[in-house]
Amino acid sequence: MKYYELIKKEILENNGIVTRKFCTQNKIPSVYLTRMVRDNKLVKINAGIYKEPDAITDDQSVIQYRNSKVIFSYYTALMELGVGNFIPKENFVTVPTGYKLSNIKNFKLRVNHTSERIWKEGIIEIENYAGRKIKCYSYEKTICDFIKNVDKFSWDYVSKVFEDYMYYEDKNVDELKRLANVMKIKNEELIKYLGGIITDD
């Protein structure tokens, strides 16, 4: 398959986005991206990231293309999961302690750090509003994060987060308790914030 055809196939499969990393992995000379920009077939939107001129630009996929260990968390995760009515003014992200973010100066981020062991738990892949795959935390991991760091947020908002989960039809209490155990959250804390959905065992 010719280089242009490979790039166009990637663009089609990725809702208008192609990266220099993709070209490198597929041994496509970067000059092909340069030519497509010159011919107005692509627009460079960040270091090593290109899109078709009419494709939607979304911050989240760009952030994760540049920073593979960024996981959307807290209120941003809730928004992407389609639960609650939270529309945060900044993207909440979690990375392992010591991880250095790059090319983020143009984005509004609230960065949280945690151990590698906790960071890797509860990661799921979903399709965002632009039709691109991004990684965020599951509902259960997000609830555990809020419990673990409850004092860092306004109680007015956090109490609504907990209430929404209690009435959520598809909640996975077993997974919630597993994650709580990994994160050293006591059963008493689960009962305190989530009430009757947690049995005292």
C-alpha atoms as a PDB file:
ATOM      1  CA  MET A   1       0.000   0.000   0.000  1.00  0.00           C
ATOM      2  CA  LYS A   2       1.379   3.413  -0.924  1.00  0.00           C
ATOM      3  CA  TYR A   3       2.310   5.947   1.771  1.00  0.00           C
ATOM      4  CA  TYR A   4      -0.545   8.350   1.002  1.00  0.00           C
ATOM      5  CA  GLU A   5      -3.024   5.497   1.087  1.00  0.00           C
ATOM      6  CA  LEU A   6      -1.728   4.379   4.493  1.00  0.00           C
ATOM      7  CA  ILE A   7      -2.081   7.914   5.860  1.00  0.00           C
ATOM      8  CA  LYS A   8      -5.576   8.321   4.420  1.00  0.00           C
ATOM      9  CA  LYS A   9      -6.626   4.961   5.897  1.00  0.00           C
ATOM     10  CA  GLU A  10      -5.409   6.056   9.331  1.00  0.00           C
ATOM     11  CA  ILE A  11      -7.219   9.385   9.004  1.00  0.00           C
ATOM     12  CA  LEU A  12     -10.448   7.599   8.067  1.00  0.00           C
ATOM     13  CA  GLU A  13     -10.185   5.162  10.970  1.00  0.00           C
ATOM     14  CA  ASN A  14      -9.289   7.888  13.468  1.00  0.00           C
ATOM     15  CA  ASN A  15     -11.920  10.507  12.640  1.00  0.00           C
ATOM     16  CA  GLY A  16      -9.654  12.891  10.779  1.00  0.00           C
ATOM     17  CA  ILE A  17      -6.453  12.591  12.848  1.00  0.00           C
ATOM     18  CA  VAL A  18      -3.013  11.221  12.009  1.00  0.00           C
ATOM     19  CA  THR A  19       0.210  11.454  14.003  1.00  0.00           C
ATOM     20  CA  ARG A  20       3.903  11.514  13.219  1.00  0.00           C
ATOM     21  CA  LYS A  21       4.218   8.534  15.577  1.00  0.00           C
ATOM     22  CA  PHE A  22       1.925   6.519  13.298  1.00  0.00           C
ATOM     23  CA  CYS A  23       4.099   7.389  10.310  1.00  0.00           C
ATOM     24  CA  THR A  24       7.265   6.422  12.155  1.00  0.00           C
ATOM     25  CA  GLN A  25       5.789   3.095  13.243  1.00  0.00           C
ATOM     26  CA  ASN A  26       4.768   2.357   9.658  1.00  0.00           C
ATOM     27  CA  LYS A  27       8.055   3.587   8.140  1.00  0.00           C
ATOM     28  CA  ILE A  28       6.355   6.452   6.302  1.00  0.00           C
ATOM     29  CA  PRO A  29       8.743   9.374   5.689  1.00  0.00           C
ATOM     30  CA  SER A  30       7.530  12.486   7.526  1.00  0.00           C
ATOM     31  CA  VAL A  31       7.872  14.497   4.336  1.00  0.00           C
ATOM     32  CA  TYR A  32       4.514  13.068   3.287  1.00  0.00           C
ATOM     33  CA  LEU A  33       2.851  14.856   6.196  1.00  0.00           C
ATOM     34  CA  THR A  34       4.700  18.054   5.271  1.00  0.00           C
ATOM     35  CA  ARG A  35       3.448  17.792   1.693  1.00  0.00           C
ATOM     36  CA  MET A  36      -0.132  17.222   2.803  1.00  0.00           C
ATOM     37  CA  VAL A  37       0.064  20.319   5.009  1.00  0.00           C
ATOM     38  CA  ARG A  38       1.499  22.290   2.086  1.00  0.00           C
ATOM     39  CA  ASP A  39      -1.346  21.105  -0.147  1.00  0.00           C
ATOM     40  CA  ASN A  40      -3.953  22.042   2.519  1.00  0.00           C
ATOM     41  CA  LYS A  41      -4.960  18.415   2.987  1.00  0.00           C
ATOM     42  CA  LEU A  42      -3.798  18.435   6.608  1.00  0.00           C
ATOM     43  CA  VAL A  43      -3.463  21.012   9.388  1.00  0.00           C
ATOM     44  CA  LYS A  44      -0.854  20.688  12.129  1.00  0.00           C
ATOM     45  CA  ILE A  45      -2.623  21.119  15.475  1.00  0.00           C
ATOM     46  CA  ASN A  46       0.154  20.180  17.892  1.00  0.00           C
ATOM     47  CA  ALA A  47       3.644  18.745  17.848  1.00  0.00           C
ATOM     48  CA  GLY A  48       3.437  15.601  15.737  1.00  0.00           C
ATOM     49  CA  ILE A  49      -0.381  15.705  15.387  1.00  0.00           C
ATOM     50  CA  TYR A  50      -2.285  16.535  12.206  1.00  0.00           C
ATOM     51  CA  LYS A  51      -5.936  16.674  11.191  1.00  0.00           C
ATOM     52  CA  GLU A  52      -8.018  17.158   8.102  1.00  0.00           C
ATOM     53  CA  PRO A  53      -9.065  20.826   7.686  1.00  0.00           C
ATOM     54  CA  ASP A  54     -12.745  20.101   8.391  1.00  0.00           C
ATOM     55  CA  ALA A  55     -12.188  17.557  11.181  1.00  0.00           C
ATOM     56  CA  ILE A  56     -13.241  18.407  14.731  1.00  0.00           C
ATOM     57  CA  THR A  57     -10.386  19.339  17.046  1.00  0.00           C
ATOM     58  CA  ASP A  58     -10.819  18.005  20.569  1.00  0.00           C
ATOM     59  CA  ASP A  59      -8.371  18.742  23.363  1.00  0.00           C
ATOM     60  CA  GLN A  60      -8.668  15.359  25.009  1.00  0.00           C
ATOM     61  CA  SER A  61      -7.381  13.194  22.192  1.00  0.00           C
ATOM     62  CA  VAL A  62      -4.571  15.671  21.502  1.00  0.00           C
ATOM     63  CA  ILE A  63      -3.529  15.599  25.159  1.00  0.00           C
ATOM     64  CA  GLN A  64      -3.426  11.808  25.181  1.00  0.00           C
ATOM     65  CA  TYR A  65      -1.599  11.564  21.860  1.00  0.00           C
ATOM     66  CA  ARG A  66       1.172  13.656  23.404  1.00  0.00           C
ATOM     67  CA  ASN A  67       0.999  12.084  26.872  1.00  0.00           C
ATOM     68  CA  SER A  68       0.224   8.379  26.799  1.00  0.00           C
ATOM     69  CA  LYS A  69      -0.140   8.021  30.574  1.00  0.00           C
ATOM     70  CA  VAL A  70      -2.733  10.756  30.971  1.00  0.00           C
ATOM     71  CA  ILE A  71      -6.049   9.294  32.154  1.00  0.00           C
ATOM     72  CA  PHE A  72      -9.113  11.519  32.383  1.00  0.00           C
ATOM     73  CA  SER A  73     -10.471  11.412  35.902  1.00  0.00           C
ATOM     74  CA  TYR A  74     -12.810  12.978  38.449  1.00  0.00           C
ATOM     75  CA  TYR A  75     -15.335  15.393  36.901  1.00  0.00           C
ATOM     76  CA  THR A  76     -13.959  14.940  33.376  1.00  0.00           C
ATOM     77  CA  ALA A  77     -14.403  11.170  33.657  1.00  0.00           C
ATOM     78  CA  LEU A  78     -17.991  11.663  34.839  1.00  0.00           C
ATOM     79  CA  MET A  79     -18.705  13.934  31.891  1.00  0.00           C
ATOM     80  CA  GLU A  80     -17.257  11.445  29.411  1.00  0.00           C
ATOM     81  CA  LEU A  81     -19.153   8.574  31.034  1.00  0.00           C
ATOM     82  CA  GLY A  82     -22.357  10.572  30.604  1.00  0.00           C
ATOM     83  CA  VAL A  83     -23.306  10.497  34.281  1.00  0.00           C
ATOM     84  CA  GLY A  84     -24.325  13.522  36.299  1.00  0.00           C
ATOM     85  CA  ASN A  85     -24.515  17.069  34.977  1.00  0.00           C
ATOM     86  CA  PHE A  86     -20.893  18.071  35.427  1.00  0.00           C
ATOM     87  CA  ILE A  87     -19.184  20.207  32.788  1.00  0.00           C
ATOM     88  CA  PRO A  88     -15.776  21.075  34.255  1.00  0.00           C
ATOM     89  CA  LYS A  89     -13.981  24.239  33.163  1.00  0.00           C
ATOM     90  CA  GLU A  90     -10.713  22.318  33.052  1.00  0.00           C
ATOM     91  CA  ASN A  91      -9.771  18.749  32.213  1.00  0.00           C
ATOM     92  CA  PHE A  92      -9.109  16.626  35.296  1.00  0.00           C
ATOM     93  CA  VAL A  93      -6.347  14.127  34.575  1.00  0.00           C
ATOM     94  CA  THR A  94      -4.367  11.612  36.605  1.00  0.00           C
ATOM     95  CA  VAL A  95      -0.810  10.475  35.914  1.00  0.00           C
ATOM     96  CA  PRO A  96       1.684   8.297  37.791  1.00  0.00           C
ATOM     97  CA  THR A  97       3.903  10.109  40.274  1.00  0.00           C
ATOM     98  CA  GLY A  98       7.007  11.384  38.502  1.00  0.00           C
ATOM     99  CA  TYR A  99       5.465  11.358  35.017  1.00  0.00           C
ATOM    100  CA  LYS A 100       6.367  14.487  33.055  1.00  0.00           C
ATOM    101  CA  LEU A 101       3.707  16.000  30.827  1.00  0.00           C
ATOM    102  CA  SER A 102       4.673  17.563  27.502  1.00  0.00           C
ATOM    103  CA  ASN A 103       3.047  20.101  25.168  1.00  0.00           C
ATOM    104  CA  ILE A 104       0.243  21.006  27.574  1.00  0.00           C
ATOM    105  CA  LYS A 105       0.687  24.766  27.967  1.00  0.00           C
ATOM    106  CA  ASN A 106      -2.319  25.510  25.745  1.00  0.00           C
ATOM    107  CA  PHE A 107      -4.671  23.272  27.714  1.00  0.00           C
ATOM    108  CA  LYS A 108      -6.489  23.857  30.979  1.00  0.00           C
ATOM    109  CA  LEU A 109      -5.566  20.865  33.095  1.00  0.00           C
ATOM    110  CA  ARG A 110      -5.925  19.922  36.731  1.00  0.00           C
ATOM    111  CA  VAL A 111      -3.267  17.280  37.182  1.00  0.00           C
ATOM    112  CA  ASN A 112      -3.441  14.666  39.925  1.00  0.00           C
ATOM    113  CA  HIS A 113      -0.598  12.294  40.776  1.00  0.00           C
ATOM    114  CA  THR A 114      -0.820   8.812  42.230  1.00  0.00           C
ATOM    115  CA  SER A 115       1.278   5.682  42.504  1.00  0.00           C
ATOM    116  CA  GLU A 116       1.697   3.518  39.406  1.00  0.00           C
ATOM    117  CA  ARG A 117      -0.152   0.729  41.207  1.00  0.00           C
ATOM    118  CA  ILE A 118      -3.265   2.861  41.751  1.00  0.00           C
ATOM    119  CA  TRP A 119      -2.981   4.733  38.448  1.00  0.00           C
ATOM    120  CA  LYS A 120      -3.350   1.582  36.336  1.00  0.00           C
ATOM    121  CA  GLU A 121      -6.559   0.419  38.057  1.00  0.00           C
ATOM    122  CA  GLY A 122      -9.959   1.067  36.475  1.00  0.00           C
ATOM    123  CA  ILE A 123      -8.787   2.413  33.113  1.00  0.00           C
ATOM    124  CA  ILE A 124     -11.357   2.068  30.330  1.00  0.00           C
ATOM    125  CA  GLU A 125     -11.466   3.222  26.722  1.00  0.00           C
ATOM    126  CA  ILE A 126     -14.473   5.128  25.432  1.00  0.00           C
ATOM    127  CA  GLU A 127     -15.423   7.184  22.400  1.00  0.00           C
ATOM    128  CA  ASN A 128     -15.615  10.917  23.067  1.00  0.00           C
ATOM    129  CA  TYR A 129     -17.869  13.538  21.472  1.00  0.00           C
ATOM    130  CA  ALA A 130     -15.502  13.830  18.485  1.00  0.00           C
ATOM    131  CA  GLY A 131     -15.748  10.107  17.811  1.00  0.00           C
ATOM    132  CA  ARG A 132     -12.184   9.398  18.944  1.00  0.00           C
ATOM    133  CA  LYS A 133     -11.075   6.867  21.516  1.00  0.00           C
ATOM    134  CA  ILE A 134      -9.796   8.251  24.796  1.00  0.00           C
ATOM    135  CA  LYS A 135      -8.932   6.669  28.133  1.00  0.00           C
ATOM    136  CA  CYS A 136     -10.671   7.606  31.342  1.00  0.00           C
ATOM    137  CA  TYR A 137     -11.438   5.938  34.639  1.00  0.00           C
ATOM    138  CA  SER A 138     -14.492   3.762  35.163  1.00  0.00           C
ATOM    139  CA  TYR A 139     -17.393   5.019  37.241  1.00  0.00           C
ATOM    140  CA  GLU A 140     -16.312   2.809  40.146  1.00  0.00           C
ATOM    141  CA  LYS A 141     -12.703   4.002  40.072  1.00  0.00           C
ATOM    142  CA  THR A 142     -13.897   7.603  39.883  1.00  0.00           C
ATOM    143  CA  ILE A 143     -16.090   7.138  42.943  1.00  0.00           C
ATOM    144  CA  CYS A 144     -13.149   5.642  44.846  1.00  0.00           C
ATOM    145  CA  ASP A 145     -10.959   8.567  43.802  1.00  0.00           C
ATOM    146  CA  PHE A 146     -13.515  11.017  45.162  1.00  0.00           C
ATOM    147  CA  ILE A 147     -13.771   9.115  48.448  1.00  0.00           C
ATOM    148  CA  LYS A 148      -9.993   8.938  48.785  1.00  0.00           C
ATOM    149  CA  ASN A 149      -9.639  12.681  48.155  1.00  0.00           C
ATOM    150  CA  VAL A 150     -12.991  13.941  49.399  1.00  0.00           C
ATOM    151  CA  ASP A 151     -11.452  16.875  51.279  1.00  0.00           C
ATOM    152  CA  LYS A 152     -10.017  18.351  48.071  1.00  0.00           C
ATOM    153  CA  PHE A 153     -13.430  19.102  46.570  1.00  0.00           C
ATOM    154  CA  SER A 154     -16.519  21.114  47.434  1.00  0.00           C
ATOM    155  CA  TRP A 155     -18.889  18.923  49.420  1.00  0.00           C
ATOM    156  CA  ASP A 156     -21.863  20.389  47.551  1.00  0.00           C
ATOM    157  CA  TYR A 157     -20.578  18.831  44.346  1.00  0.00           C
ATOM    158  CA  VAL A 158     -19.091  15.643  45.781  1.00  0.00           C
ATOM    159  CA  SER A 159     -22.270  14.748  47.656  1.00  0.00           C
ATOM    160  CA  LYS A 160     -24.132  14.928  44.333  1.00  0.00           C
ATOM    161  CA  VAL A 161     -21.498  12.619  42.780  1.00  0.00           C
ATOM    162  CA  PHE A 162     -22.133  10.029  45.495  1.00  0.00           C
ATOM    163  CA  GLU A 163     -25.911  10.418  45.278  1.00  0.00           C
ATOM    164  CA  ASP A 164     -25.880   9.945  41.505  1.00  0.00           C
ATOM    165  CA  TYR A 165     -23.894   6.728  41.873  1.00  0.00           C
ATOM    166  CA  MET A 166     -26.254   5.326  44.491  1.00  0.00           C
ATOM    167  CA  TYR A 167     -29.164   5.683  42.046  1.00  0.00           C
ATOM    168  CA  TYR A 168     -27.196   4.512  38.999  1.00  0.00           C
ATOM    169  CA  GLU A 169     -28.837   1.350  37.636  1.00  0.00           C
ATOM    170  CA  ASP A 170     -25.703  -0.251  36.190  1.00  0.00           C
ATOM    171  CA  LYS A 171     -23.369   0.236  39.145  1.00  0.00           C
ATOM    172  CA  ASN A 172     -20.934  -2.568  39.882  1.00  0.00           C
ATOM    173  CA  VAL A 173     -20.663  -2.742  43.652  1.00  0.00           C
ATOM    174  CA  ASP A 174     -18.333  -5.751  43.586  1.00  0.00           C
ATOM    175  CA  GLU A 175     -15.873  -3.861  41.396  1.00  0.00           C
ATOM    176  CA  LEU A 176     -16.267  -0.785  43.587  1.00  0.00           C
ATOM    177  CA  LYS A 177     -15.344  -2.814  46.669  1.00  0.00           C
ATOM    178  CA  ARG A 178     -12.418  -4.459  44.881  1.00  0.00           C
ATOM    179  CA  LEU A 179     -11.006  -1.065  43.902  1.00  0.00           C
ATOM    180  CA  ALA A 180     -11.629   0.293  47.381  1.00  0.00           C
ATOM    181  CA  ASN A 181      -9.605  -2.559  48.816  1.00  0.00           C
ATOM    182  CA  VAL A 182      -6.732  -1.882  46.394  1.00  0.00           C
ATOM    183  CA  MET A 183      -6.837   1.809  47.336  1.00  0.00           C
ATOM    184  CA  LYS A 184      -7.020   1.027  51.065  1.00  0.00           C
ATOM    185  CA  ILE A 185     -10.454   2.589  51.491  1.00  0.00           C
ATOM    186  CA  LYS A 186     -12.163   1.075  54.522  1.00  0.00           C
ATOM    187  CA  ASN A 187     -15.643  -0.413  54.252  1.00  0.00           C
ATOM    188  CA  GLU A 188     -16.777   2.109  56.871  1.00  0.00           C
ATOM    189  CA  GLU A 189     -15.886   4.924  54.472  1.00  0.00           C
ATOM    190  CA  LEU A 190     -17.876   3.311  51.670  1.00  0.00           C
ATOM    191  CA  ILE A 191     -20.884   3.057  53.975  1.00  0.00           C
ATOM    192  CA  LYS A 192     -20.406   6.650  55.129  1.00  0.00           C
ATOM    193  CA  TYR A 193     -20.544   8.090  51.616  1.00  0.00           C
ATOM    194  CA  LEU A 194     -22.637   5.528  49.738  1.00  0.00           C
ATOM    195  CA  GLY A 195     -25.089   4.394  52.382  1.00  0.00           C
ATOM    196  CA  GLY A 196     -27.293   1.394  51.872  1.00  0.00           C
ATOM    197  CA  ILE A 197     -25.740   0.086  48.666  1.00  0.00           C
ATOM    198  CA  ILE A 198     -22.785  -1.179  50.708  1.00  0.00           C
ATOM    199  CA  THR A 199     -23.201  -4.083  53.114  1.00  0.00           C
ATOM    200  CA  ASP A 200     -21.255  -4.066  56.360  1.00  0.00           C
ATOM    201  CA  ASP A 201     -19.049  -7.136  55.799  1.00  0.00           C
END
